[in-house]
Amino acid sequence: MADVENTLRERHRPAHAERTAQTHAAFLLPHLRPGMALLDLGCGPGSITAGLAAAVAPGPVTGVDTEPPDRLDGVTLVRADAADLPLPDASFDAVFASALLQHVPDPLAVLREARRVARPGAVIGVVDADWSGRLLEPSNDLLEESYPLMEVLRTGSPYVGRQLRGLLHEAGFARCEAGARAIAHGSADEVASFAGFNRSWFTNESIVDSLVRRGVTTPARMAEIAAAWAAWGEEPGAFFAAFWCEAVAWV
């Protein structure tokens, strides 16, 4: 399983590195001020963290990840589990987490840790996916079958987005507000890239072996699904859209 998790992490890193504070933290930026101490949970390659750091400069910024980058200008990087932070109580004025909760076994534990390290008056912003509202055109049985198989490989749930407001409340935050925005792939380049990314789930040797060992599919079926995604990427009318859910709350 560790090999599969490493494979998934490496597959997602290039896409994560294209994310910025403007694309994935715009809902939080109006609540940030210069001088704030900010914590980015699950900072990944740090492309969002860099924008958040600019928003709170000269305030200190800490990025936490199980595999943080080697270096990020102006950011203290910590290798740690977000559910067990090696950080003192009440030490941050702002906390952020993007696409983290869908990958952890206990999202509430992560948010309770975020609450522990947040100071009175601190703001938290959380953004994550929810697969249930996706639009896929054209679709077929093979493409629809691909999603439950992708879910099997996840430690967490890709449906956590709808729960953000409730989870923040349960973790002890106040004035919890939630919203959602749609993302879409509707140009030839976007569709080809999305199709190629999804196809790669079903051609990667580690992923195929893991799913076959679990008895949930066969190599031949994985190859069929991969071919279906490749064909979808060439459809002149192909279109995909889905929700990203966002929530903000305070201590």
Protein backbone atom coordinates (compact mmCIF):
# COMPACT_ATOMS: atom_id res chain seq x y z
CA MET A 1 0.00 0.00 0.00
CA ALA A 2 2.91 2.35 0.72
CA ASP A 3 4.10 1.97 -2.87
CA VAL A 4 0.65 2.93 -4.15
CA GLU A 5 0.49 5.97 -1.84
CA ASN A 6 3.90 7.12 -3.07
CA THR A 7 2.77 6.61 -6.66
CA LEU A 8 -0.37 8.65 -6.08
CA ARG A 9 1.59 11.44 -4.41
CA GLU A 10 4.05 11.67 -7.27
CA ARG A 11 1.24 11.59 -9.85
CA HIS A 12 -0.53 14.52 -8.22
CA ARG A 13 2.49 16.74 -7.50
CA PRO A 14 2.75 18.35 -10.97
CA ALA A 15 -0.94 19.31 -10.90
CA HIS A 16 -0.66 20.59 -7.32
CA ALA A 17 2.30 22.77 -8.28
CA GLU A 18 0.05 24.67 -10.71
CA ARG A 19 -2.29 25.74 -7.91
CA THR A 20 -1.90 29.24 -6.49
CA ALA A 21 -3.39 31.30 -3.68
CA GLN A 22 -5.47 33.10 -6.30
CA THR A 23 -6.93 29.87 -7.73
CA HIS A 24 -7.41 27.89 -4.51
CA ALA A 25 -7.41 30.36 -1.60
CA ALA A 26 -9.18 33.42 -3.02
CA PHE A 27 -11.96 32.96 -0.46
CA LEU A 28 -9.46 33.28 2.40
CA LEU A 29 -7.28 36.13 1.07
CA PRO A 30 -9.68 38.94 2.13
CA HIS A 31 -9.35 37.75 5.74
CA LEU A 32 -5.54 37.85 5.80
CA ARG A 33 -3.51 40.81 7.03
CA PRO A 34 0.19 41.70 7.04
CA GLY A 35 1.93 40.41 10.15
CA MET A 36 -0.31 37.39 10.72
CA ALA A 37 1.33 34.08 11.64
CA LEU A 38 -0.01 31.58 9.11
CA LEU A 39 -0.04 27.78 8.96
CA ASP A 40 -0.58 25.87 5.70
CA LEU A 41 -1.57 22.27 6.44
CA GLY A 42 -0.74 19.81 3.67
CA CYS A 43 1.28 22.47 1.84
CA GLY A 44 2.45 20.06 -0.89
CA PRO A 45 4.92 21.71 -3.28
CA GLY A 46 4.22 25.12 -1.72
CA SER A 47 2.78 26.98 -4.72
CA ILE A 48 -0.27 28.11 -2.71
CA THR A 49 1.83 28.69 0.40
CA ALA A 50 3.99 31.22 -1.45
CA GLY A 51 0.95 33.36 -2.25
CA LEU A 52 -0.35 33.14 1.29
CA ALA A 53 3.07 34.18 2.58
CA ALA A 54 2.95 37.27 0.38
CA ALA A 55 -0.45 38.16 1.81
CA VAL A 56 0.71 38.05 5.46
CA ALA A 57 4.29 39.33 5.02
CA PRO A 58 6.21 40.13 7.15
CA GLY A 59 4.34 37.61 9.30
CA PRO A 60 5.87 34.14 9.80
CA VAL A 61 4.54 31.27 7.67
CA THR A 62 4.79 27.54 8.40
CA GLY A 63 4.08 24.80 5.88
CA VAL A 64 3.35 21.27 7.11
CA ASP A 65 3.37 18.18 4.92
CA THR A 66 4.41 14.54 5.11
CA GLU A 67 6.65 15.30 2.09
CA PRO A 68 7.35 19.06 2.13
CA PRO A 69 9.57 20.70 -0.48
CA ASP A 70 13.27 20.99 0.33
CA ARG A 71 13.06 24.77 0.46
CA LEU A 72 10.53 27.57 0.11
CA ASP A 73 11.63 31.18 0.51
CA GLY A 74 10.31 32.80 3.66
CA VAL A 75 8.51 29.66 4.86
CA THR A 76 9.39 27.32 7.71
CA LEU A 77 8.78 23.78 6.48
CA VAL A 78 7.82 21.00 8.87
CA ARG A 79 7.58 17.29 8.04
CA ALA A 80 4.66 16.04 10.11
CA ASP A 81 1.24 14.40 10.21
CA ALA A 82 -1.46 17.10 10.16
CA ALA A 83 -3.35 15.17 12.84
CA ASP A 84 -0.36 15.26 15.19
CA LEU A 85 1.36 18.63 14.83
CA PRO A 86 4.68 19.25 16.60
CA LEU A 87 3.60 22.85 17.18
CA PRO A 88 2.59 24.74 20.34
CA ASP A 89 -0.95 25.68 21.30
CA ALA A 90 -2.37 29.02 20.15
CA SER A 91 0.51 29.96 17.86
CA PHE A 92 -1.20 30.97 14.56
CA ASP A 93 -3.51 33.76 13.43
CA ALA A 94 -4.55 31.98 10.24
CA VAL A 95 -4.72 28.34 9.14
CA PHE A 96 -5.27 26.99 5.63
CA ALA A 97 -5.74 23.53 4.12
CA SER A 98 -6.31 22.74 0.45
CA ALA A 99 -7.28 19.25 -0.79
CA LEU A 100 -5.92 17.73 2.41
CA LEU A 101 -9.00 16.33 4.15
CA GLN A 102 -9.93 14.06 1.24
CA HIS A 103 -6.64 12.22 1.78
CA VAL A 104 -6.72 11.62 5.55
CA PRO A 105 -8.54 8.87 7.49
CA ASP A 106 -9.91 11.27 10.12
CA PRO A 107 -10.60 14.83 8.88
CA LEU A 108 -12.01 15.86 12.25
CA ALA A 109 -8.73 14.98 13.99
CA VAL A 110 -6.87 17.28 11.60
CA LEU A 111 -9.27 20.16 12.21
CA ARG A 112 -9.10 19.67 15.97
CA GLU A 113 -5.33 20.00 15.73
CA ALA A 114 -5.82 23.14 13.66
CA ARG A 115 -8.09 24.50 16.40
CA ARG A 116 -5.49 23.67 19.05
CA VAL A 117 -2.73 25.66 17.35
CA ALA A 118 -5.00 28.60 16.42
CA ARG A 119 -5.03 31.73 18.57
CA PRO A 120 -8.20 33.45 19.78
CA GLY A 121 -9.59 35.40 16.85
CA ALA A 122 -7.75 33.27 14.28
CA VAL A 123 -9.30 32.49 10.90
CA ILE A 124 -9.24 29.14 9.12
CA GLY A 125 -9.91 28.46 5.46
CA VAL A 126 -10.44 24.95 4.09
CA VAL A 127 -11.05 23.94 0.48
CA ASP A 128 -11.65 20.42 -0.79
CA ALA A 129 -13.29 18.39 -3.51
CA ASP A 130 -16.63 16.64 -3.63
CA TRP A 131 -17.01 14.14 -6.46
CA SER A 132 -20.76 13.68 -6.13
CA GLY A 133 -21.71 16.69 -8.25
CA ARG A 134 -19.56 15.91 -11.26
CA LEU A 135 -20.74 16.32 -14.84
CA LEU A 136 -19.19 14.03 -17.45
CA GLU A 137 -20.22 14.21 -21.10
CA PRO A 138 -20.29 11.91 -22.95
CA SER A 139 -20.30 9.14 -20.37
CA ASN A 140 -20.50 5.35 -20.47
CA ASP A 141 -20.35 2.38 -18.11
CA LEU A 142 -16.55 2.12 -18.27
CA LEU A 143 -15.99 5.77 -17.36
CA GLU A 144 -18.51 5.57 -14.51
CA GLU A 145 -16.85 2.39 -13.25
CA SER A 146 -13.53 4.21 -13.02
CA TYR A 147 -14.63 6.44 -10.14
CA PRO A 148 -15.35 3.72 -7.54
CA LEU A 149 -12.00 2.14 -8.44
CA MET A 150 -10.19 5.45 -7.89
CA GLU A 151 -11.97 5.78 -4.54
CA VAL A 152 -10.68 2.39 -3.37
CA LEU A 153 -7.12 3.72 -3.51
CA ARG A 154 -7.82 6.68 -1.24
CA THR A 155 -7.17 6.76 2.48
CA GLY A 156 -9.89 9.37 2.91
CA SER A 157 -13.07 10.35 1.09
CA PRO A 158 -13.45 12.43 -2.09
CA TYR A 159 -16.88 13.46 -0.80
CA VAL A 160 -15.61 15.47 2.19
CA GLY A 161 -16.30 18.83 0.56
CA ARG A 162 -19.96 18.93 1.58
CA GLN A 163 -18.96 18.25 5.21
CA LEU A 164 -16.53 21.16 5.68
CA ARG A 165 -18.87 23.50 7.52
CA GLY A 166 -20.05 20.78 9.88
CA LEU A 167 -16.54 19.49 10.53
CA LEU A 168 -15.26 22.97 11.39
CA HIS A 169 -18.14 23.44 13.82
CA GLU A 170 -17.50 20.06 15.44
CA ALA A 171 -13.79 20.86 15.74
CA GLY A 172 -14.60 23.92 17.85
CA PHE A 173 -14.54 26.77 15.35
CA ALA A 174 -17.24 29.45 15.28
CA ARG A 175 -19.09 31.46 12.60
CA CYS A 176 -18.53 28.71 10.04
CA GLU A 177 -19.45 29.71 6.50
CA ALA A 178 -19.33 27.46 3.43
CA GLY A 179 -19.66 27.84 -0.32
CA ALA A 180 -18.74 26.10 -3.54
CA ARG A 181 -17.32 26.90 -6.96
CA ALA A 182 -17.33 24.89 -10.15
CA ILE A 183 -14.24 23.89 -12.09
CA ALA A 184 -14.52 22.73 -15.67
CA HIS A 185 -12.52 21.18 -18.50
CA GLY A 186 -14.06 22.27 -21.75
CA SER A 187 -11.32 23.06 -24.26
CA ALA A 188 -9.42 20.58 -26.39
CA ASP A 189 -6.24 20.99 -24.31
CA GLU A 190 -8.07 20.78 -20.97
CA VAL A 191 -10.01 17.69 -22.00
CA ALA A 192 -6.91 15.94 -23.34
CA SER A 193 -4.97 16.69 -20.14
CA PHE A 194 -7.82 15.52 -17.89
CA ALA A 195 -8.33 12.37 -19.93
CA GLY A 196 -4.62 11.58 -19.85
CA PHE A 197 -4.46 12.06 -16.10
CA ASN A 198 -7.44 9.77 -15.49
CA ARG A 199 -6.19 7.20 -17.99
CA SER A 200 -2.91 6.98 -16.08
CA TRP A 201 -4.75 5.60 -13.03
CA PHE A 202 -5.52 2.48 -15.06
CA THR A 203 -2.16 1.97 -16.75
CA ASN A 204 0.16 2.45 -13.76
CA GLU A 205 1.63 -0.92 -12.76
CA SER A 206 1.52 -0.31 -8.99
CA ILE A 207 -2.10 0.84 -9.09
CA VAL A 208 -3.23 -1.99 -11.36
CA ASP A 209 -1.49 -4.59 -9.19
CA SER A 210 -3.01 -3.15 -6.01
CA LEU A 211 -6.57 -3.20 -7.33
CA VAL A 212 -6.21 -6.67 -8.85
CA ARG A 213 -4.84 -8.05 -5.56
CA ARG A 214 -7.89 -6.67 -3.79
CA GLY A 215 -10.11 -8.58 -6.17
CA VAL A 216 -12.07 -5.52 -7.31
CA THR A 217 -11.06 -5.66 -10.99
CA THR A 218 -8.89 -7.43 -13.54
CA PRO A 219 -5.97 -6.28 -15.71
CA ALA A 220 -8.16 -6.62 -18.80
CA ARG A 221 -10.86 -4.41 -17.26
CA MET A 222 -8.30 -1.80 -16.25
CA ALA A 223 -7.04 -1.72 -19.84
CA GLU A 224 -10.62 -1.26 -21.09
CA ILE A 225 -11.17 1.66 -18.74
CA ALA A 226 -7.86 3.25 -19.76
CA ALA A 227 -8.90 2.98 -23.41
CA ALA A 228 -12.28 4.52 -22.59
CA TRP A 229 -10.62 7.57 -21.05
CA ALA A 230 -8.30 7.90 -24.04
CA ALA A 231 -11.30 7.80 -26.37
CA TRP A 232 -13.18 10.35 -24.24
CA GLY A 233 -10.25 12.73 -24.54
CA GLU A 234 -10.65 12.73 -28.30
CA GLU A 235 -14.39 13.43 -28.29
CA PRO A 236 -15.06 16.86 -29.85
CA GLY A 237 -17.88 17.50 -27.37
CA ALA A 238 -16.21 16.14 -24.23
CA PHE A 239 -16.87 18.18 -21.09
CA PHE A 240 -16.22 17.74 -17.37
CA ALA A 241 -17.23 19.88 -14.39
CA ALA A 242 -17.14 19.36 -10.64
CA PHE A 243 -17.40 21.20 -7.33
CA TRP A 244 -14.69 22.54 -5.08
CA CYS A 245 -16.18 23.31 -1.66
CA GLU A 246 -14.79 26.10 0.51
CA ALA A 247 -15.33 26.99 4.15
CA VAL A 248 -14.07 29.70 6.47
CA ALA A 249 -14.46 29.95 10.25
CA TRP A 250 -12.98 31.68 13.29
CA VAL A 251 -11.77 30.96 16.80
